[in-house]
């Protein structure tokens, strides 16, 4: 899945895996719900949000992809900072 930064550092557009050929992108916000995240996909907004509001840590594929993207970006930034020392 393709990830595009939307409003750094925590908001991204993630291309839909099932409908990406039509250009559908979901807005993912990693900071929402106390950093569990939120996504505009149907699965998250219709099903998972209830579990998140009940205190569970559940994520759709788009949230997982955005989190991995963010982690790789952050690891590179930390390494660059450490290399400067």
PDB file of N, CA and C in Angstrom:
ATOM      1  N   UNK A   1       0.846  -1.176   0.000  1.00  0.00           N
ATOM      2  CA  UNK A   1       0.000   0.000   0.000  1.00  0.00           C
ATOM      3  C   UNK A   1       0.889   1.236   0.000  1.00  0.00           C
ATOM      4  N   UNK A   2       0.504   2.198  -0.774  1.00  0.00           N
ATOM      5  CA  UNK A   2       1.244   3.454  -0.832  1.00  0.00           C
ATOM      6  C   UNK A   2       0.803   4.374   0.295  1.00  0.00           C
ATOM      7  N   UNK A   3       1.778   5.092   0.852  1.00  0.00           N
ATOM      8  CA  UNK A   3       1.524   6.032   1.937  1.00  0.00           C
ATOM      9  C   UNK A   3       2.040   7.407   1.513  1.00  0.00           C
ATOM     10  N   UNK A   4       1.227   8.429   1.736  1.00  0.00           N
ATOM     11  CA  UNK A   4       1.627   9.801   1.449  1.00  0.00           C
ATOM     12  C   UNK A   4       1.437  10.630   2.708  1.00  0.00           C
ATOM     13  N   UNK A   5       2.432  11.421   3.032  1.00  0.00           N
ATOM     14  CA  UNK A   5       2.313  12.314   4.167  1.00  0.00           C
ATOM     15  C   UNK A   5       1.218  13.335   3.873  1.00  0.00           C
ATOM     16  N   UNK A   6       0.352  13.590   4.836  1.00  0.00           N
ATOM     17  CA  UNK A   6      -0.733  14.548   4.648  1.00  0.00           C
ATOM     18  C   UNK A   6      -0.501  15.779   5.521  1.00  0.00           C
ATOM     19  N   UNK A   7      -0.459  15.591   6.816  1.00  0.00           N
ATOM     20  CA  UNK A   7      -0.135  16.657   7.762  1.00  0.00           C
ATOM     21  C   UNK A   7       0.849  16.073   8.758  1.00  0.00           C
ATOM     22  N   UNK A   8       2.140  16.194   8.445  1.00  0.00           N
ATOM     23  CA  UNK A   8       3.157  15.593   9.318  1.00  0.00           C
ATOM     24  C   UNK A   8       3.022  16.116  10.737  1.00  0.00           C
ATOM     25  N   UNK A   9       3.367  15.359  11.736  1.00  0.00           N
ATOM     26  CA  UNK A   9       4.005  14.060  11.600  1.00  0.00           C
ATOM     27  C   UNK A   9       3.071  12.864  11.740  1.00  0.00           C
ATOM     28  N   UNK A  10       1.777  13.100  11.993  1.00  0.00           N
ATOM     29  CA  UNK A  10       0.926  11.963  12.339  1.00  0.00           C
ATOM     30  C   UNK A  10      -0.214  11.651  11.375  1.00  0.00           C
ATOM     31  N   UNK A  11      -0.407  12.445  10.333  1.00  0.00           N
ATOM     32  CA  UNK A  11      -1.529  12.199   9.416  1.00  0.00           C
ATOM     33  C   UNK A  11      -1.020  11.801   8.038  1.00  0.00           C
ATOM     34  N   UNK A  12      -1.644  10.759   7.479  1.00  0.00           N
ATOM     35  CA  UNK A  12      -1.212  10.211   6.201  1.00  0.00           C
ATOM     36  C   UNK A  12      -2.418   9.845   5.346  1.00  0.00           C
ATOM     37  N   UNK A  13      -2.197   9.820   4.058  1.00  0.00           N
ATOM     38  CA  UNK A  13      -3.142   9.207   3.130  1.00  0.00           C
ATOM     39  C   UNK A  13      -2.571   7.835   2.784  1.00  0.00           C
ATOM     40  N   UNK A  14      -3.392   6.811   2.921  1.00  0.00           N
ATOM     41  CA  UNK A  14      -2.985   5.447   2.574  1.00  0.00           C
ATOM     42  C   UNK A  14      -3.906   4.969   1.465  1.00  0.00           C
ATOM     43  N   UNK A  15      -3.309   4.536   0.364  1.00  0.00           N
ATOM     44  CA  UNK A  15      -4.076   4.060  -0.781  1.00  0.00           C
ATOM     45  C   UNK A  15      -4.773   2.760  -0.405  1.00  0.00           C
ATOM     46  N   UNK A  16      -6.038   2.651  -0.757  1.00  0.00           N
ATOM     47  CA  UNK A  16      -6.822   1.454  -0.470  1.00  0.00           C
ATOM     48  C   UNK A  16      -6.216   0.240  -1.167  1.00  0.00           C
ATOM     49  N   UNK A  17      -6.117  -0.856  -0.440  1.00  0.00           N
ATOM     50  CA  UNK A  17      -5.580  -2.078  -1.042  1.00  0.00           C
ATOM     51  C   UNK A  17      -6.595  -2.735  -1.959  1.00  0.00           C
ATOM     52  N   UNK A  18      -7.857  -2.568  -1.668  1.00  0.00           N
ATOM     53  CA  UNK A  18      -8.887  -3.216  -2.491  1.00  0.00           C
ATOM     54  C   UNK A  18      -9.413  -2.316  -3.602  1.00  0.00           C
ATOM     55  N   UNK A  19      -9.348  -0.999  -3.387  1.00  0.00           N
ATOM     56  CA  UNK A  19      -9.883  -0.065  -4.387  1.00  0.00           C
ATOM     57  C   UNK A  19      -8.886   1.011  -4.781  1.00  0.00           C
ATOM     58  N   UNK A  20      -7.598   0.690  -4.613  1.00  0.00           N
ATOM     59  CA  UNK A  20      -6.550   1.656  -4.920  1.00  0.00           C
ATOM     60  C   UNK A  20      -6.470   2.013  -6.387  1.00  0.00           C
ATOM     61  N   UNK A  21      -6.883   1.086  -7.259  1.00  0.00           N
ATOM     62  CA  UNK A  21      -6.825   1.381  -8.691  1.00  0.00           C
ATOM     63  C   UNK A  21      -7.782   2.512  -9.058  1.00  0.00           C
ATOM     64  N   UNK A  22      -8.788   2.733  -8.234  1.00  0.00           N
ATOM     65  CA  UNK A  22      -9.729   3.835  -8.482  1.00  0.00           C
ATOM     66  C   UNK A  22      -9.231   5.136  -7.856  1.00  0.00           C
ATOM     67  N   UNK A  23      -8.072   5.069  -7.204  1.00  0.00           N
ATOM     68  CA  UNK A  23      -7.501   6.259  -6.582  1.00  0.00           C
ATOM     69  C   UNK A  23      -8.003   6.516  -5.171  1.00  0.00           C
ATOM     70  N   UNK A  24      -8.718   5.568  -4.585  1.00  0.00           N
ATOM     71  CA  UNK A  24      -9.261   5.758  -3.238  1.00  0.00           C
ATOM     72  C   UNK A  24      -8.138   5.769  -2.210  1.00  0.00           C
ATOM     73  N   UNK A  25      -8.132   6.824  -1.397  1.00  0.00           N
ATOM     74  CA  UNK A  25      -7.162   6.948  -0.315  1.00  0.00           C
ATOM     75  C   UNK A  25      -7.922   7.144   0.984  1.00  0.00           C
ATOM     76  N   UNK A  26      -7.385   6.580   2.044  1.00  0.00           N
ATOM     77  CA  UNK A  26      -7.976   6.746   3.372  1.00  0.00           C
ATOM     78  C   UNK A  26      -7.090   7.678   4.185  1.00  0.00           C
ATOM     79  N   UNK A  27      -7.715   8.559   4.936  1.00  0.00           N
ATOM     80  CA  UNK A  27      -6.976   9.442   5.827  1.00  0.00           C
ATOM     81  C   UNK A  27      -6.745   8.700   7.140  1.00  0.00           C
ATOM     82  N   UNK A  28      -5.497   8.593   7.514  1.00  0.00           N
ATOM     83  CA  UNK A  28      -5.109   7.925   8.755  1.00  0.00           C
ATOM     84  C   UNK A  28      -4.487   8.968   9.675  1.00  0.00           C
ATOM     85  N   UNK A  29      -4.956   8.994  10.908  1.00  0.00           N
ATOM     86  CA  UNK A  29      -4.398   9.904  11.912  1.00  0.00           C
ATOM     87  C   UNK A  29      -3.873   9.047  13.060  1.00  0.00           C
ATOM     88  N   UNK A  30      -2.572   8.979  13.176  1.00  0.00           N
ATOM     89  CA  UNK A  30      -1.952   8.120  14.190  1.00  0.00           C
ATOM     90  C   UNK A  30      -2.118   8.655  15.605  1.00  0.00           C
ATOM     91  N   UNK A  31      -2.402   9.942  15.761  1.00  0.00           N
ATOM     92  CA  UNK A  31      -2.513  10.544  17.093  1.00  0.00           C
ATOM     93  C   UNK A  31      -3.907  10.418  17.704  1.00  0.00           C
ATOM     94  N   UNK A  32      -4.896  10.126  16.891  1.00  0.00           N
ATOM     95  CA  UNK A  32      -6.270  10.028  17.390  1.00  0.00           C
ATOM     96  C   UNK A  32      -6.415   8.884  18.392  1.00  0.00           C
ATOM     97  N   UNK A  33      -7.436   8.991  19.208  1.00  0.00           N
ATOM     98  CA  UNK A  33      -7.787   7.943  20.184  1.00  0.00           C
ATOM     99  C   UNK A  33      -6.592   7.553  21.050  1.00  0.00           C
ATOM    100  N   UNK A  34      -5.926   8.591  21.572  1.00  0.00           N
ATOM    101  CA  UNK A  34      -4.781   8.399  22.465  1.00  0.00           C
ATOM    102  C   UNK A  34      -3.693   7.556  21.808  1.00  0.00           C
ATOM    103  N   UNK A  35      -3.426   7.831  20.549  1.00  0.00           N
ATOM    104  CA  UNK A  35      -2.389   7.200  19.730  1.00  0.00           C
ATOM    105  C   UNK A  35      -2.672   5.746  19.352  1.00  0.00           C
ATOM    106  N   UNK A  36      -3.903   5.314  19.503  1.00  0.00           N
ATOM    107  CA  UNK A  36      -4.308   4.048  18.885  1.00  0.00           C
ATOM    108  C   UNK A  36      -4.489   4.301  17.396  1.00  0.00           C
ATOM    109  N   UNK A  37      -4.983   5.492  17.054  1.00  0.00           N
ATOM    110  CA  UNK A  37      -5.151   5.902  15.670  1.00  0.00           C
ATOM    111  C   UNK A  37      -6.601   5.898  15.229  1.00  0.00           C
ATOM    112  N   UNK A  38      -6.816   6.429  14.025  1.00  0.00           N
ATOM    113  CA  UNK A  38      -8.134   6.445  13.396  1.00  0.00           C
ATOM    114  C   UNK A  38      -7.937   6.422  11.888  1.00  0.00           C
ATOM    115  N   UNK A  39      -8.916   5.870  11.196  1.00  0.00           N
ATOM    116  CA  UNK A  39      -8.860   5.758   9.743  1.00  0.00           C
ATOM    117  C   UNK A  39     -10.258   6.008   9.180  1.00  0.00           C
ATOM    118  N   UNK A  40     -10.298   6.549   7.981  1.00  0.00           N
ATOM    119  CA  UNK A  40     -11.587   6.833   7.356  1.00  0.00           C
ATOM    120  C   UNK A  40     -12.149   5.642   6.586  1.00  0.00           C
ATOM    121  N   UNK A  41     -11.465   4.500   6.618  1.00  0.00           N
ATOM    122  CA  UNK A  41     -11.988   3.332   5.897  1.00  0.00           C
ATOM    123  C   UNK A  41     -13.266   2.820   6.559  1.00  0.00           C
ATOM    124  N   UNK A  42     -14.058   2.108   5.804  1.00  0.00           N
ATOM    125  CA  UNK A  42     -15.327   1.587   6.314  1.00  0.00           C
ATOM    126  C   UNK A  42     -15.124   0.629   7.487  1.00  0.00           C
ATOM    127  N   UNK A  43     -14.119  -0.227   7.394  1.00  0.00           N
ATOM    128  CA  UNK A  43     -13.891  -1.215   8.453  1.00  0.00           C
ATOM    129  C   UNK A  43     -13.633  -0.526   9.792  1.00  0.00           C
ATOM    130  N   UNK A  44     -12.787   0.501   9.779  1.00  0.00           N
ATOM    131  CA  UNK A  44     -12.498   1.195  11.030  1.00  0.00           C
ATOM    132  C   UNK A  44     -13.705   1.988  11.502  1.00  0.00           C
ATOM    133  N   UNK A  45     -14.280   2.801  10.616  1.00  0.00           N
ATOM    134  CA  UNK A  45     -15.348   3.707  11.043  1.00  0.00           C
ATOM    135  C   UNK A  45     -16.660   3.008  11.361  1.00  0.00           C
ATOM    136  N   UNK A  46     -16.880   1.816  10.821  1.00  0.00           N
ATOM    137  CA  UNK A  46     -18.144   1.113  11.076  1.00  0.00           C
ATOM    138  C   UNK A  46     -18.006   0.019  12.145  1.00  0.00           C
ATOM    139  N   UNK A  47     -16.811  -0.526  12.309  1.00  0.00           N
ATOM    140  CA  UNK A  47     -16.648  -1.661  13.207  1.00  0.00           C
ATOM    141  C   UNK A  47     -15.633  -1.402  14.317  1.00  0.00           C
ATOM    142  N   UNK A  48     -14.421  -1.087  13.933  1.00  0.00           N
ATOM    143  CA  UNK A  48     -13.337  -1.018  14.905  1.00  0.00           C
ATOM    144  C   UNK A  48     -13.445   0.145  15.874  1.00  0.00           C
ATOM    145  N   UNK A  49     -14.040   1.252  15.461  1.00  0.00           N
ATOM    146  CA  UNK A  49     -14.116   2.424  16.336  1.00  0.00           C
ATOM    147  C   UNK A  49     -14.842   2.108  17.634  1.00  0.00           C
ATOM    148  N   UNK A  50     -15.830   1.241  17.588  1.00  0.00           N
ATOM    149  CA  UNK A  50     -16.545   0.867  18.832  1.00  0.00           C
ATOM    150  C   UNK A  50     -15.603   0.176  19.806  1.00  0.00           C
ATOM    151  N   UNK A  51     -14.759  -0.708  19.271  1.00  0.00           N
ATOM    152  CA  UNK A  51     -13.802  -1.420  20.127  1.00  0.00           C
ATOM    153  C   UNK A  51     -12.752  -0.464  20.684  1.00  0.00           C
ATOM    154  N   UNK A  52     -12.294   0.468  19.848  1.00  0.00           N
ATOM    155  CA  UNK A  52     -11.307   1.451  20.289  1.00  0.00           C
ATOM    156  C   UNK A  52     -11.899   2.305  21.403  1.00  0.00           C
ATOM    157  N   UNK A  53     -13.127   2.744  21.229  1.00  0.00           N
ATOM    158  CA  UNK A  53     -13.775   3.566  22.265  1.00  0.00           C
ATOM    159  C   UNK A  53     -14.007   2.787  23.551  1.00  0.00           C
ATOM    160  N   UNK A  54     -14.055   1.465  23.444  1.00  0.00           N
ATOM    161  CA  UNK A  54     -14.205   0.617  24.629  1.00  0.00           C
ATOM    162  C   UNK A  54     -12.857   0.308  25.278  1.00  0.00           C
ATOM    163  N   UNK A  55     -11.790   0.882  24.743  1.00  0.00           N
ATOM    164  CA  UNK A  55     -10.473   0.724  25.350  1.00  0.00           C
ATOM    165  C   UNK A  55      -9.580  -0.325  24.719  1.00  0.00           C
ATOM    166  N   UNK A  56     -10.038  -0.955  23.659  1.00  0.00           N
ATOM    167  CA  UNK A  56      -9.220  -1.981  23.010  1.00  0.00           C
ATOM    168  C   UNK A  56      -8.273  -1.328  21.995  1.00  0.00           C
ATOM    169  N   UNK A  57      -7.143  -1.976  21.773  1.00  0.00           N
ATOM    170  CA  UNK A  57      -6.188  -1.514  20.770  1.00  0.00           C
ATOM    171  C   UNK A  57      -6.360  -2.409  19.545  1.00  0.00           C
ATOM    172  N   UNK A  58      -7.128  -1.922  18.596  1.00  0.00           N
ATOM    173  CA  UNK A  58      -7.354  -2.643  17.335  1.00  0.00           C
ATOM    174  C   UNK A  58      -7.106  -1.663  16.195  1.00  0.00           C
ATOM    175  N   UNK A  59      -6.614  -2.200  15.092  1.00  0.00           N
ATOM    176  CA  UNK A  59      -6.282  -1.340  13.960  1.00  0.00           C
ATOM    177  C   UNK A  59      -6.631  -2.015  12.652  1.00  0.00           C
ATOM    178  N   UNK A  60      -7.020  -1.205  11.686  1.00  0.00           N
ATOM    179  CA  UNK A  60      -7.236  -1.704  10.328  1.00  0.00           C
ATOM    180  C   UNK A  60      -5.876  -1.796   9.622  1.00  0.00           C
ATOM    181  N   UNK A  61      -5.870  -2.358   8.434  1.00  0.00           N
ATOM    182  CA  UNK A  61      -4.630  -2.489   7.655  1.00  0.00           C
ATOM    183  C   UNK A  61      -3.994  -1.135   7.380  1.00  0.00           C
ATOM    184  N   UNK A  62      -4.807  -0.140   7.103  1.00  0.00           N
ATOM    185  CA  UNK A  62      -4.286   1.183   6.758  1.00  0.00           C
ATOM    186  C   UNK A  62      -3.535   1.805   7.928  1.00  0.00           C
ATOM    187  N   UNK A  63      -4.070   1.629   9.133  1.00  0.00           N
ATOM    188  CA  UNK A  63      -3.374   2.111  10.325  1.00  0.00           C
ATOM    189  C   UNK A  63      -2.048   1.385  10.505  1.00  0.00           C
ATOM    190  N   UNK A  64      -2.041   0.093  10.283  1.00  0.00           N
ATOM    191  CA  UNK A  64      -0.805  -0.677  10.399  1.00  0.00           C
ATOM    192  C   UNK A  64       0.251  -0.218   9.409  1.00  0.00           C
ATOM    193  N   UNK A  65      -0.170   0.035   8.187  1.00  0.00           N
ATOM    194  CA  UNK A  65       0.756   0.496   7.150  1.00  0.00           C
ATOM    195  C   UNK A  65       1.302   1.881   7.499  1.00  0.00           C
ATOM    196  N   UNK A  66       0.440   2.776   7.942  1.00  0.00           N
ATOM    197  CA  UNK A  66       0.881   4.125   8.297  1.00  0.00           C
ATOM    198  C   UNK A  66       1.817   4.099   9.497  1.00  0.00           C
ATOM    199  N   UNK A  67       1.525   3.256  10.470  1.00  0.00           N
ATOM    200  CA  UNK A  67       2.403   3.135  11.641  1.00  0.00           C
ATOM    201  C   UNK A  67       3.777   2.614  11.244  1.00  0.00           C
ATOM    202  N   UNK A  68       3.822   1.632  10.385  1.00  0.00           N
ATOM    203  CA  UNK A  68       5.107   1.101   9.919  1.00  0.00           C
ATOM    204  C   UNK A  68       5.878   2.173   9.142  1.00  0.00           C
ATOM    205  N   UNK A  69       5.186   2.911   8.288  1.00  0.00           N
ATOM    206  CA  UNK A  69       5.799   3.996   7.530  1.00  0.00           C
ATOM    207  C   UNK A  69       6.389   5.041   8.484  1.00  0.00           C
ATOM    208  N   UNK A  70       5.597   5.434   9.476  1.00  0.00           N
ATOM    209  CA  UNK A  70       6.054   6.422  10.450  1.00  0.00           C
ATOM    210  C   UNK A  70       7.252   5.902  11.233  1.00  0.00           C
ATOM    211  N   UNK A  71       7.213   4.646  11.650  1.00  0.00           N
ATOM    212  CA  UNK A  71       8.319   4.063  12.415  1.00  0.00           C
ATOM    213  C   UNK A  71       9.612   4.080  11.606  1.00  0.00           C
ATOM    214  N   UNK A  72       9.545   3.697  10.331  1.00  0.00           N
ATOM    215  CA  UNK A  72      10.744   3.713   9.496  1.00  0.00           C
ATOM    216  C   UNK A  72      11.288   5.132   9.345  1.00  0.00           C
ATOM    217  N   UNK A  73      10.396   6.100   9.154  1.00  0.00           N
ATOM    218  CA  UNK A  73      10.796   7.500   9.042  1.00  0.00           C
ATOM    219  C   UNK A  73      11.470   7.961  10.331  1.00  0.00           C
ATOM    220  N   UNK A  74      10.883   7.631  11.480  1.00  0.00           N
ATOM    221  CA  UNK A  74      11.425   8.055  12.765  1.00  0.00           C
ATOM    222  C   UNK A  74      12.767   7.391  13.059  1.00  0.00           C
ATOM    223  N   UNK A  75      12.900   6.123  12.738  1.00  0.00           N
ATOM    224  CA  UNK A  75      14.175   5.436  12.963  1.00  0.00           C
ATOM    225  C   UNK A  75      15.297   6.092  12.159  1.00  0.00           C
ATOM    226  N   UNK A  76      15.001   6.495  10.930  1.00  0.00           N
ATOM    227  CA  UNK A  76      16.011   7.166  10.101  1.00  0.00           C
ATOM    228  C   UNK A  76      16.386   8.523  10.696  1.00  0.00           C
ATOM    229  N   UNK A  77      15.391   9.232  11.206  1.00  0.00           N
ATOM    230  CA  UNK A  77      15.673  10.538  11.837  1.00  0.00           C
ATOM    231  C   UNK A  77      16.524  10.377  13.093  1.00  0.00           C
ATOM    232  N   UNK A  78      16.205   9.395  13.904  1.00  0.00           N
ATOM    233  CA  UNK A  78      16.974   9.165  15.137  1.00  0.00           C
ATOM    234  C   UNK A  78      18.401   8.781  14.771  1.00  0.00           C
ATOM    235  N   UNK A  79      18.563   7.899  13.806  1.00  0.00           N
ATOM    236  CA  UNK A  79      19.907   7.490  13.391  1.00  0.00           C
ATOM    237  C   UNK A  79      20.693   8.685  12.879  1.00  0.00           C
ATOM    238  N   UNK A  80      20.074   9.539  12.074  1.00  0.00           N
ATOM    239  CA  UNK A  80      20.758  10.728  11.560  1.00  0.00           C
ATOM    240  C   UNK A  80      21.210  11.635  12.701  1.00  0.00           C
ATOM    241  N   UNK A  81      20.369  11.788  13.709  1.00  0.00           N
ATOM    242  CA  UNK A  81      20.731  12.609  14.871  1.00  0.00           C
ATOM    243  C   UNK A  81      21.892  11.986  15.643  1.00  0.00           C
ATOM    244  N   UNK A  82      21.844  10.678  15.815  1.00  0.00           N
ATOM    245  CA  UNK A  82      22.930   9.991  16.533  1.00  0.00           C
ATOM    246  C   UNK A  82      24.248  10.070  15.760  1.00  0.00           C
ATOM    247  N   UNK A  83      24.151  10.006  14.431  1.00  0.00           N
ATOM    248  CA  UNK A  83      25.347  10.082  13.605  1.00  0.00           C
ATOM    249  C   UNK A  83      26.019  11.459  13.700  1.00  0.00           C
ATOM    250  N   UNK A  84      25.246  12.482  14.014  1.00  0.00           N
ATOM    251  CA  UNK A  84      25.795  13.832  14.151  1.00  0.00           C
ATOM    252  C   UNK A  84      26.644  13.984  15.422  1.00  0.00           C
ATOM    253  N   UNK A  85      26.384  13.134  16.403  1.00  0.00           N
ATOM    254  CA  UNK A  85      27.067  13.279  17.706  1.00  0.00           C
ATOM    255  C   UNK A  85      28.482  12.790  17.663  1.00  0.00           C
TER     256      UNK A  85
END
